[in-house]
Amino acid sequence: MFLTCNTLPRNNEIPLFEQFVREAVEAGVDALIAADLGIISLIKKYAPDMVIHRFHTDRYRKLCYSKRTL
């Protein structure tokens, strides 16, 4: 199971992120999907063995555009 955390957190939400990651690990999440490099850094800090998939919006847009033009 993959869980997205690809929003840009506000400063007051960052302290809550550690608990979010720990609960994801406890729930058996296989990988986290993230876009923000700061969030990716925190995932590595709080759950070093967690698989991280980096979501890149520009690549996604290009992929969607290329499929529509085929």
Protein backbone atom coordinates (compact mmCIF):
# COMPACT_ATOMS: atom_id res chain seq x y z
CA MET A 1 0.00 0.00 0.00
CA PHE A 2 1.32 3.45 -0.94
CA LEU A 3 0.45 6.59 0.96
CA THR A 4 0.79 10.07 -0.49
CA CYS A 5 2.16 12.95 1.50
CA ASN A 6 2.80 15.22 -1.43
CA THR A 7 1.33 18.40 -0.06
CA LEU A 8 3.49 21.30 0.99
CA PRO A 9 3.22 21.50 4.75
CA ARG A 10 2.74 24.72 6.64
CA ASN A 11 5.24 25.52 9.37
CA ASN A 12 2.81 24.55 12.13
CA GLU A 13 2.24 21.13 10.51
CA ILE A 14 5.89 20.06 10.35
CA PRO A 15 6.08 18.96 14.02
CA LEU A 16 3.10 16.64 13.36
CA PHE A 17 4.80 14.92 10.43
CA GLU A 18 6.93 12.60 12.57
CA GLN A 19 3.80 11.03 14.05
CA PHE A 20 2.27 10.75 10.57
CA VAL A 21 5.31 8.80 9.34
CA ARG A 22 5.42 6.57 12.43
CA GLU A 23 1.73 5.74 12.06
CA ALA A 24 2.29 4.92 8.39
CA VAL A 25 5.06 2.50 9.37
CA GLU A 26 2.89 0.92 12.08
CA ALA A 27 0.02 0.54 9.60
CA GLY A 28 2.27 -1.41 7.23
CA VAL A 29 2.50 1.17 4.45
CA ASP A 30 4.92 -0.10 1.79
CA ALA A 31 5.98 3.29 0.43
CA LEU A 32 5.35 6.99 0.80
CA ILE A 33 4.84 9.26 -2.20
CA ALA A 34 6.24 12.76 -1.74
CA ALA A 35 7.08 15.79 -3.87
CA ASP A 36 8.69 18.18 -1.40
CA LEU A 37 12.42 17.66 -0.77
CA GLY A 38 12.03 18.75 2.86
CA ILE A 39 9.34 16.14 3.42
CA ILE A 40 11.50 13.49 1.74
CA SER A 41 14.33 14.43 4.10
CA LEU A 42 12.05 14.05 7.11
CA ILE A 43 10.78 10.66 5.90
CA LYS A 44 14.40 9.47 5.66
CA LYS A 45 15.03 10.78 9.17
CA TYR A 46 11.95 9.27 10.82
CA ALA A 47 11.74 6.02 8.84
CA PRO A 48 15.09 5.30 7.17
CA ASP A 49 13.91 1.97 5.73
CA MET A 50 10.73 3.38 4.17
CA VAL A 51 10.55 3.30 0.39
CA ILE A 52 9.99 6.77 -1.04
CA HIS A 53 8.56 7.50 -4.47
CA ARG A 54 9.24 11.05 -5.58
CA PHE A 55 6.30 12.64 -7.34
CA HIS A 56 7.35 15.18 -9.93
CA THR A 57 4.50 17.23 -11.39
CA ASP A 58 6.35 18.29 -14.54
CA ARG A 59 7.02 14.68 -15.52
CA TYR A 60 3.40 13.80 -14.80
CA ARG A 61 2.17 16.64 -17.03
CA LYS A 62 4.50 15.58 -19.84
CA LEU A 63 3.34 11.96 -19.51
CA CYS A 64 -0.32 12.97 -19.65
CA TYR A 65 0.30 15.27 -22.61
CA SER A 66 2.24 12.63 -24.54
CA LYS A 67 -0.55 10.06 -24.03
CA ARG A 68 -3.18 12.50 -25.31
CA THR A 69 -1.19 13.21 -28.45
CA LEU A 70 -0.73 9.56 -29.44
